[in-house]
Each structure stands twice: as C-alpha cells, then as structure tokens.
Amino acid sequence: MFAYFKSEPTEYILAYSNGKIAQQGAGLAFWYWRPSTSIVLVPISTVDAPFVFNETTGNFQAVTLQGQITYRIIEPETISRLLNFTPDHAANSRHQSRSQAHRWHPDPVHLRGNRSLA
C-alpha cells in the first residue's frame, strides 16, 4: 500500500507518520506508506474569499454589501492545528482534477446581521 504524493510549489505539506512529522515543506514529492501516514496540505498562495452582508437600515431598507478578502497563510504549521487541511484521496479520481481534489477553499461568508443600520 505504498503511494506517491506530489504537491504544487504553492502547497505546504506536513506528512505525519505514526503521529510524528516525517516530512514538511513546500512543493514536496515523496513515497509514503498509506496505512500509517497522514498528509496535511495547506495552501500558501494568495486566496480570494468573497463575502456578502445582508442588512436592514433604520427605515427598513434592504442593504447588501459584497466584497472580497484576499489572504495568504504565512504560518502553515499553526493553521494546520486549527483547521482540517487533510486532502480527500477518494475525491482524487479521473473525473476530477488533482488541483480541485486537494485544494482547500473556504466557502463564501454569508452573514445575516441583527442590528439595523442608521
């Protein structure tokens, strides 16, 4: 059950074997033993995340604010402990490209306010 893993230069890899970090770095390629290895893939390139705020003014007019936040992860070890960046190997099929199967993208933020705008 050996498998080969190759990442993009814009992906930081943390490979855990038996609970300890075996390899880490950007753009790694390596063979690993699938039953005892966990791979964490953190995007270190710039990511765009759209957002939408739906609010109501003091005179009950609907206001929608849309925007986009651009961010880049600079401490991949820290963020990997807070969020799940484990790639889904089952999704890595011939019907879906590798870049789509292994990239983590946050969903757009949809917030509903409970205050009225003055």
N, C-alpha and C. Protein backbone atom coordinates (compact mmCIF):
# COMPACT_ATOMS: atom_id res chain seq x y z
N MET A 1 0.80 -1.19 0.00
CA MET A 1 0.00 0.00 0.00
C MET A 1 0.85 1.26 0.00
N PHE A 2 1.92 1.25 -0.74
CA PHE A 2 2.71 2.45 -0.91
C PHE A 2 2.01 3.36 -1.89
N ALA A 3 2.13 4.64 -1.68
CA ALA A 3 1.53 5.62 -2.58
C ALA A 3 2.53 6.75 -2.80
N TYR A 4 2.35 7.44 -3.91
CA TYR A 4 3.22 8.57 -4.25
C TYR A 4 2.41 9.85 -4.13
N PHE A 5 3.00 10.85 -3.51
CA PHE A 5 2.33 12.14 -3.34
C PHE A 5 3.23 13.23 -3.89
N LYS A 6 2.66 14.08 -4.71
CA LYS A 6 3.41 15.21 -5.28
C LYS A 6 2.55 16.45 -5.12
N SER A 7 3.14 17.49 -4.54
CA SER A 7 2.39 18.72 -4.32
C SER A 7 2.88 19.82 -5.24
N GLU A 8 2.10 20.86 -5.31
CA GLU A 8 2.45 22.05 -6.09
C GLU A 8 3.40 22.92 -5.27
N PRO A 9 4.15 23.80 -5.91
CA PRO A 9 5.04 24.69 -5.15
C PRO A 9 4.30 25.65 -4.22
N THR A 10 3.01 25.86 -4.45
CA THR A 10 2.22 26.77 -3.63
C THR A 10 1.46 26.02 -2.53
N GLU A 11 1.87 24.78 -2.23
CA GLU A 11 1.23 23.98 -1.19
C GLU A 11 2.28 23.55 -0.17
N TYR A 12 2.00 23.78 1.09
CA TYR A 12 2.89 23.38 2.17
C TYR A 12 2.40 22.03 2.69
N ILE A 13 3.29 21.06 2.76
CA ILE A 13 2.92 19.70 3.14
C ILE A 13 3.47 19.38 4.52
N LEU A 14 2.62 18.77 5.34
CA LEU A 14 3.03 18.18 6.62
C LEU A 14 2.65 16.71 6.54
N ALA A 15 3.63 15.84 6.51
CA ALA A 15 3.37 14.40 6.44
C ALA A 15 3.64 13.80 7.81
N TYR A 16 2.61 13.25 8.43
CA TYR A 16 2.71 12.64 9.74
C TYR A 16 2.78 11.13 9.57
N SER A 17 3.74 10.50 10.21
CA SER A 17 3.85 9.06 10.22
C SER A 17 3.87 8.59 11.68
N ASN A 18 2.88 7.80 12.03
CA ASN A 18 2.72 7.32 13.41
C ASN A 18 2.64 8.48 14.41
N GLY A 19 1.98 9.56 14.03
CA GLY A 19 1.75 10.68 14.93
C GLY A 19 2.85 11.71 15.01
N LYS A 20 3.96 11.52 14.29
CA LYS A 20 5.06 12.47 14.31
C LYS A 20 5.33 12.98 12.90
N ILE A 21 5.79 14.22 12.81
CA ILE A 21 6.06 14.80 11.50
C ILE A 21 7.25 14.08 10.87
N ALA A 22 7.00 13.47 9.70
CA ALA A 22 8.07 12.78 8.98
C ALA A 22 8.70 13.69 7.94
N GLN A 23 7.86 14.50 7.26
CA GLN A 23 8.35 15.44 6.25
C GLN A 23 7.48 16.68 6.30
N GLN A 24 8.09 17.81 6.00
CA GLN A 24 7.33 19.04 5.87
C GLN A 24 8.07 19.99 4.95
N GLY A 25 7.31 20.81 4.24
CA GLY A 25 7.90 21.78 3.34
C GLY A 25 6.97 22.07 2.18
N ALA A 26 7.35 23.04 1.37
CA ALA A 26 6.56 23.44 0.21
C ALA A 26 6.99 22.64 -1.01
N GLY A 27 6.00 22.22 -1.79
CA GLY A 27 6.29 21.54 -3.05
C GLY A 27 6.99 20.21 -2.94
N LEU A 28 6.63 19.40 -1.96
CA LEU A 28 7.30 18.11 -1.75
C LEU A 28 6.74 17.03 -2.67
N ALA A 29 7.57 16.05 -2.95
CA ALA A 29 7.16 14.84 -3.66
C ALA A 29 7.83 13.68 -2.94
N PHE A 30 7.03 12.65 -2.59
CA PHE A 30 7.58 11.54 -1.82
C PHE A 30 6.67 10.33 -1.89
N TRP A 31 7.27 9.18 -1.58
CA TRP A 31 6.54 7.93 -1.41
C TRP A 31 6.20 7.79 0.07
N TYR A 32 5.04 7.21 0.37
CA TYR A 32 4.65 7.02 1.77
C TYR A 32 3.84 5.75 1.92
N TRP A 33 3.80 5.24 3.13
CA TRP A 33 3.02 4.06 3.49
C TRP A 33 1.65 4.53 3.91
N ARG A 34 0.66 4.27 3.09
CA ARG A 34 -0.69 4.83 3.26
C ARG A 34 -1.36 4.47 4.60
N PRO A 35 -1.24 3.24 5.13
CA PRO A 35 -1.95 2.94 6.39
C PRO A 35 -1.47 3.73 7.61
N SER A 36 -0.22 4.17 7.62
CA SER A 36 0.29 4.84 8.83
C SER A 36 0.68 6.30 8.60
N THR A 37 0.35 6.87 7.45
CA THR A 37 0.75 8.24 7.14
C THR A 37 -0.48 9.11 6.90
N SER A 38 -0.47 10.29 7.50
CA SER A 38 -1.49 11.30 7.26
C SER A 38 -0.82 12.50 6.62
N ILE A 39 -1.47 13.05 5.61
CA ILE A 39 -0.92 14.19 4.88
C ILE A 39 -1.81 15.40 5.11
N VAL A 40 -1.17 16.52 5.42
CA VAL A 40 -1.87 17.79 5.57
C VAL A 40 -1.34 18.72 4.49
N LEU A 41 -2.24 19.31 3.70
CA LEU A 41 -1.88 20.15 2.58
C LEU A 41 -2.45 21.55 2.82
N VAL A 42 -1.58 22.52 3.07
CA VAL A 42 -2.01 23.89 3.37
C VAL A 42 -1.64 24.79 2.20
N PRO A 43 -2.61 25.50 1.60
CA PRO A 43 -2.27 26.42 0.51
C PRO A 43 -1.51 27.62 1.05
N ILE A 44 -0.37 27.92 0.45
CA ILE A 44 0.41 29.08 0.89
C ILE A 44 0.41 30.19 -0.15
N SER A 45 -0.38 30.02 -1.19
CA SER A 45 -0.53 31.09 -2.18
C SER A 45 -1.61 32.06 -1.72
N THR A 46 -1.79 33.11 -2.44
CA THR A 46 -2.83 34.09 -2.13
C THR A 46 -4.18 33.49 -2.47
N VAL A 47 -5.16 33.64 -1.56
CA VAL A 47 -6.50 33.09 -1.73
C VAL A 47 -7.51 34.23 -1.64
N ASP A 48 -8.49 34.23 -2.55
CA ASP A 48 -9.56 35.22 -2.53
C ASP A 48 -10.81 34.58 -1.95
N ALA A 49 -11.44 35.26 -1.00
CA ALA A 49 -12.67 34.76 -0.37
C ALA A 49 -13.74 35.85 -0.46
N PRO A 50 -14.81 35.60 -1.23
CA PRO A 50 -15.88 36.60 -1.31
C PRO A 50 -16.76 36.57 -0.06
N PHE A 51 -17.41 37.69 0.22
CA PHE A 51 -18.35 37.77 1.34
C PHE A 51 -19.55 38.61 0.96
N VAL A 52 -20.66 38.38 1.68
CA VAL A 52 -21.90 39.11 1.46
C VAL A 52 -22.51 39.42 2.82
N PHE A 53 -22.86 40.68 3.05
CA PHE A 53 -23.58 41.10 4.25
C PHE A 53 -24.94 41.60 3.82
N ASN A 54 -26.00 41.03 4.36
CA ASN A 54 -27.37 41.49 4.12
C ASN A 54 -27.85 42.16 5.39
N GLU A 55 -28.13 43.43 5.30
CA GLU A 55 -28.54 44.22 6.47
C GLU A 55 -29.83 44.98 6.17
N THR A 56 -30.42 45.52 7.20
CA THR A 56 -31.61 46.35 7.08
C THR A 56 -31.34 47.69 7.76
N THR A 57 -31.67 48.77 7.10
CA THR A 57 -31.44 50.10 7.66
C THR A 57 -32.51 50.41 8.70
N GLY A 58 -32.36 51.58 9.35
CA GLY A 58 -33.32 52.01 10.37
C GLY A 58 -34.72 52.22 9.80
N ASN A 59 -34.81 52.57 8.51
CA ASN A 59 -36.13 52.75 7.90
C ASN A 59 -36.51 51.54 7.02
N PHE A 60 -35.99 50.37 7.40
CA PHE A 60 -36.36 49.08 6.83
C PHE A 60 -36.04 48.93 5.34
N GLN A 61 -34.97 49.55 4.91
CA GLN A 61 -34.49 49.36 3.55
C GLN A 61 -33.43 48.26 3.55
N ALA A 62 -33.50 47.38 2.59
CA ALA A 62 -32.52 46.29 2.50
C ALA A 62 -31.22 46.82 1.89
N VAL A 63 -30.13 46.49 2.53
CA VAL A 63 -28.80 46.89 2.05
C VAL A 63 -27.94 45.63 1.95
N THR A 64 -27.28 45.48 0.82
CA THR A 64 -26.38 44.35 0.63
C THR A 64 -24.98 44.88 0.36
N LEU A 65 -24.04 44.39 1.12
CA LEU A 65 -22.64 44.76 0.96
C LEU A 65 -21.88 43.52 0.53
N GLN A 66 -21.23 43.61 -0.62
CA GLN A 66 -20.45 42.50 -1.14
C GLN A 66 -19.00 42.91 -1.25
N GLY A 67 -18.12 41.98 -1.04
CA GLY A 67 -16.70 42.28 -1.15
C GLY A 67 -15.88 41.02 -1.27
N GLN A 68 -14.61 41.21 -1.23
CA GLN A 68 -13.68 40.09 -1.36
C GLN A 68 -12.49 40.32 -0.45
N ILE A 69 -12.13 39.31 0.30
CA ILE A 69 -10.96 39.37 1.17
C ILE A 69 -9.87 38.53 0.52
N THR A 70 -8.69 39.07 0.45
CA THR A 70 -7.55 38.34 -0.08
C THR A 70 -6.59 38.08 1.08
N TYR A 71 -6.20 36.81 1.25
CA TYR A 71 -5.30 36.47 2.35
C TYR A 71 -4.27 35.44 1.90
N ARG A 72 -3.23 35.32 2.68
CA ARG A 72 -2.19 34.32 2.45
C ARG A 72 -1.77 33.77 3.80
N ILE A 73 -1.65 32.47 3.91
CA ILE A 73 -1.24 31.82 5.15
C ILE A 73 0.28 31.86 5.22
N ILE A 74 0.81 32.44 6.31
CA ILE A 74 2.26 32.55 6.45
C ILE A 74 2.82 31.60 7.51
N GLU A 75 1.94 31.02 8.33
CA GLU A 75 2.38 30.04 9.32
C GLU A 75 1.56 28.76 9.12
N PRO A 76 1.94 27.92 8.15
CA PRO A 76 1.13 26.73 7.86
C PRO A 76 1.07 25.72 9.00
N GLU A 77 2.11 25.64 9.82
CA GLU A 77 2.08 24.69 10.94
C GLU A 77 1.01 25.08 11.95
N THR A 78 0.89 26.36 12.23
CA THR A 78 -0.09 26.85 13.19
C THR A 78 -1.51 26.65 12.68
N ILE A 79 -1.78 27.02 11.44
CA ILE A 79 -3.14 26.91 10.89
C ILE A 79 -3.54 25.45 10.70
N SER A 80 -2.57 24.56 10.49
CA SER A 80 -2.91 23.14 10.32
C SER A 80 -3.40 22.52 11.62
N ARG A 81 -3.05 23.11 12.76
CA ARG A 81 -3.56 22.62 14.03
C ARG A 81 -4.96 23.16 14.33
N LEU A 82 -5.36 24.23 13.65
CA LEU A 82 -6.66 24.85 13.91
C LEU A 82 -7.75 24.38 12.95
N LEU A 83 -7.38 24.10 11.69
CA LEU A 83 -8.35 23.71 10.67
C LEU A 83 -7.92 22.40 10.01
N ASN A 84 -8.87 21.69 9.45
CA ASN A 84 -8.58 20.42 8.78
C ASN A 84 -8.20 20.67 7.33
N PHE A 85 -6.95 20.43 6.99
CA PHE A 85 -6.46 20.59 5.63
C PHE A 85 -6.07 19.24 5.03
N THR A 86 -6.64 18.16 5.53
CA THR A 86 -6.31 16.84 5.02
C THR A 86 -6.97 16.65 3.66
N PRO A 87 -6.21 16.32 2.61
CA PRO A 87 -6.82 16.11 1.30
C PRO A 87 -7.67 14.85 1.29
N ASP A 88 -8.70 14.85 0.48
CA ASP A 88 -9.58 13.70 0.35
C ASP A 88 -9.08 12.85 -0.81
N HIS A 89 -8.44 11.73 -0.49
CA HIS A 89 -7.89 10.87 -1.55
C HIS A 89 -8.98 10.20 -2.36
N ALA A 90 -10.16 10.01 -1.79
CA ALA A 90 -11.25 9.40 -2.53
C ALA A 90 -11.75 10.32 -3.63
N ALA A 91 -11.63 11.63 -3.42
CA ALA A 91 -12.08 12.59 -4.43
C ALA A 91 -11.08 12.71 -5.56
N ASN A 92 -9.89 12.20 -5.38
CA ASN A 92 -8.86 12.31 -6.41
C ASN A 92 -9.07 11.20 -7.44
N SER A 93 -10.01 11.39 -8.30
CA SER A 93 -10.33 10.40 -9.31
C SER A 93 -10.07 10.96 -10.69
N ARG A 94 -10.31 10.15 -11.69
CA ARG A 94 -10.10 10.60 -13.07
C ARG A 94 -11.12 11.64 -13.49
N HIS A 95 -12.24 11.70 -12.78
CA HIS A 95 -13.29 12.64 -13.13
C HIS A 95 -13.05 14.03 -12.57
N GLN A 96 -12.12 14.15 -11.66
CA GLN A 96 -11.85 15.43 -11.01
C GLN A 96 -10.35 15.66 -11.03
N SER A 97 -9.93 16.85 -11.42
CA SER A 97 -8.50 17.11 -11.49
C SER A 97 -7.89 17.13 -10.09
N ARG A 98 -6.60 16.86 -10.04
CA ARG A 98 -5.91 16.79 -8.76
C ARG A 98 -5.95 18.13 -8.04
N SER A 99 -5.85 19.22 -8.78
CA SER A 99 -5.86 20.53 -8.13
C SER A 99 -7.20 20.81 -7.47
N GLN A 100 -8.29 20.32 -8.04
CA GLN A 100 -9.60 20.51 -7.42
C GLN A 100 -9.78 19.58 -6.23
N ALA A 101 -9.23 18.39 -6.30
CA ALA A 101 -9.44 17.41 -5.24
C ALA A 101 -8.66 17.73 -3.98
N HIS A 102 -7.50 18.38 -4.10
CA HIS A 102 -6.63 18.57 -2.96
C HIS A 102 -6.58 20.00 -2.44
N ARG A 103 -7.25 20.90 -3.07
CA ARG A 103 -7.19 22.29 -2.60
C ARG A 103 -8.32 22.56 -1.64
N TRP A 104 -8.00 23.30 -0.61
CA TRP A 104 -8.99 23.72 0.36
C TRP A 104 -9.33 25.15 0.06
N HIS A 105 -10.62 25.44 -0.11
CA HIS A 105 -11.09 26.80 -0.31
C HIS A 105 -12.24 27.03 0.64
N PRO A 106 -12.17 28.09 1.40
CA PRO A 106 -13.29 28.38 2.30
C PRO A 106 -14.52 28.77 1.51
N ASP A 107 -15.67 28.42 2.03
CA ASP A 107 -16.93 28.83 1.41
C ASP A 107 -17.10 30.33 1.57
N PRO A 108 -17.83 30.96 0.63
CA PRO A 108 -18.10 32.39 0.81
C PRO A 108 -18.82 32.64 2.13
N VAL A 109 -18.49 33.73 2.74
CA VAL A 109 -19.07 34.06 4.04
C VAL A 109 -20.41 34.76 3.80
N HIS A 110 -21.47 34.18 4.32
CA HIS A 110 -22.80 34.79 4.24
C HIS A 110 -23.25 35.07 5.66
N LEU A 111 -23.34 36.32 5.99
CA LEU A 111 -23.70 36.70 7.34
C LEU A 111 -25.03 37.45 7.32
N ARG A 112 -25.80 37.25 8.31
CA ARG A 112 -27.04 37.97 8.47
C ARG A 112 -26.93 38.80 9.73
N GLY A 113 -27.08 40.09 9.59
CA GLY A 113 -26.93 40.98 10.73
C GLY A 113 -28.17 41.04 11.57
N ASN A 114 -28.00 41.37 12.83
CA ASN A 114 -29.14 41.51 13.71
C ASN A 114 -29.23 42.94 14.25
N ARG A 115 -28.48 43.84 13.67
CA ARG A 115 -28.58 45.25 14.02
C ARG A 115 -29.07 46.01 12.79
N SER A 116 -29.77 47.06 12.98
CA SER A 116 -30.19 47.88 11.84
C SER A 116 -29.17 49.00 11.64
N LEU A 117 -28.98 49.33 10.39
CA LEU A 117 -28.07 50.42 10.05
C LEU A 117 -28.79 51.74 10.18
N ALA A 118 -28.13 52.72 10.72
CA ALA A 118 -28.77 54.02 10.88
C ALA A 118 -28.57 54.88 9.67
